[in-house]
């Protein structure tokens, strides 16, 4: 995965492969697949300096991870677990 960052103060609409679109707010960052960086519209934005790319080396992304951490509850105790139905 690679991260692209919008360096402008305007929102951007970036055309991605497969007919998809990425809407990137001012000074915001998004993660995209490494193959996305070879798409011509993305290459033009990178060459113009409108967006910057970080972390396009897949080995660097995996080196710092601590493995599978599983799902997170987000600090809330409701909405998780089995719904109880029937006679109680």
Protein backbone atom coordinates (compact mmCIF):
# COMPACT_ATOMS: atom_id res chain seq x y z
CA UNK A 1 0.00 0.00 0.00
CA UNK A 2 1.07 3.52 -0.72
CA UNK A 3 -0.15 6.76 0.82
CA UNK A 4 -0.91 9.80 -1.29
CA UNK A 5 -1.29 13.25 0.26
CA UNK A 6 -3.12 16.23 -1.24
CA UNK A 7 -0.70 19.17 -0.96
CA UNK A 8 -3.21 21.80 -2.12
CA UNK A 9 -5.81 23.75 -0.16
CA UNK A 10 -8.55 22.56 -2.55
CA UNK A 11 -10.31 19.18 -2.59
CA UNK A 12 -9.17 16.85 -5.38
CA UNK A 13 -10.99 14.24 -7.41
CA UNK A 14 -8.52 11.59 -8.59
CA UNK A 15 -9.43 9.09 -11.30
CA UNK A 16 -8.35 5.58 -10.29
CA UNK A 17 -8.04 2.38 -12.32
CA UNK A 18 -11.21 0.35 -12.81
CA UNK A 19 -13.40 3.44 -13.19
CA UNK A 20 -13.18 4.34 -9.51
CA UNK A 21 -12.74 7.83 -8.08
CA UNK A 22 -10.90 9.05 -5.00
CA UNK A 23 -12.08 12.28 -3.41
CA UNK A 24 -9.26 13.71 -1.33
CA UNK A 25 -9.79 16.73 0.89
CA UNK A 26 -7.28 19.55 1.36
CA UNK A 27 -4.07 18.37 3.04
CA UNK A 28 -5.58 14.89 3.59
CA UNK A 29 -3.95 11.50 3.06
CA UNK A 30 -5.38 8.27 1.61
CA UNK A 31 -3.99 4.77 1.14
CA UNK A 32 -4.06 3.31 -2.36
CA UNK A 33 -2.70 0.17 -3.99
CA UNK A 34 0.81 0.39 -5.39
CA UNK A 35 -0.46 -0.36 -8.92
CA UNK A 36 -2.56 2.82 -8.73
CA UNK A 37 0.61 4.89 -8.92
CA UNK A 38 1.14 3.68 -12.51
CA UNK A 39 -2.26 5.05 -13.65
CA UNK A 40 -1.73 8.04 -16.03
CA UNK A 41 -4.00 10.56 -14.19
CA UNK A 42 -2.25 9.79 -10.90
CA UNK A 43 1.18 10.08 -12.55
CA UNK A 44 0.25 13.56 -13.81
CA UNK A 45 -0.75 14.72 -10.32
CA UNK A 46 2.49 13.36 -8.86
CA UNK A 47 4.59 15.04 -11.58
CA UNK A 48 2.81 18.37 -11.03
CA UNK A 49 3.46 18.20 -7.28
CA UNK A 50 -0.24 18.31 -6.45
CA UNK A 51 0.02 15.05 -4.50
CA UNK A 52 2.98 13.37 -2.83
CA UNK A 53 3.55 9.65 -2.35
CA UNK A 54 4.88 7.94 0.77
CA UNK A 55 5.30 4.31 1.69
CA UNK A 56 5.27 2.78 -1.77
CA UNK A 57 7.69 0.03 -0.69
CA UNK A 58 5.60 -3.00 0.38
CA UNK A 59 8.41 -4.43 2.54
CA UNK A 60 8.65 -1.23 4.58
CA UNK A 61 4.92 -1.33 5.36
CA UNK A 62 5.04 -4.89 6.72
CA UNK A 63 8.23 -4.55 8.76
CA UNK A 64 6.75 -2.38 11.54
CA UNK A 65 3.51 -4.31 12.03
CA UNK A 66 2.81 -6.30 15.15
CA UNK A 67 0.73 -8.97 13.44
CA UNK A 68 -2.97 -9.67 13.55
CA UNK A 69 -4.61 -7.62 16.27
CA UNK A 70 -8.19 -8.68 15.60
CA UNK A 71 -11.32 -6.55 15.67
CA UNK A 72 -11.62 -3.59 17.99
CA UNK A 73 -14.77 -2.69 19.87
CA UNK A 74 -13.95 1.02 19.78
CA UNK A 75 -14.44 1.34 23.53
CA UNK A 76 -18.18 0.70 23.50
CA UNK A 77 -19.75 -2.32 25.14
CA UNK A 78 -23.05 -2.46 23.27
CA UNK A 79 -23.88 -3.77 19.83
CA UNK A 80 -21.51 -6.69 20.16
CA UNK A 81 -22.36 -10.27 20.87
CA UNK A 82 -25.34 -12.50 20.20
CA UNK A 83 -28.83 -11.08 20.03
CA UNK A 84 -31.14 -12.87 22.43
CA UNK A 85 -34.52 -13.84 21.02
CA UNK A 86 -37.42 -16.01 22.08
CA UNK A 87 -38.82 -16.70 25.55
CA UNK A 88 -36.68 -15.68 28.47
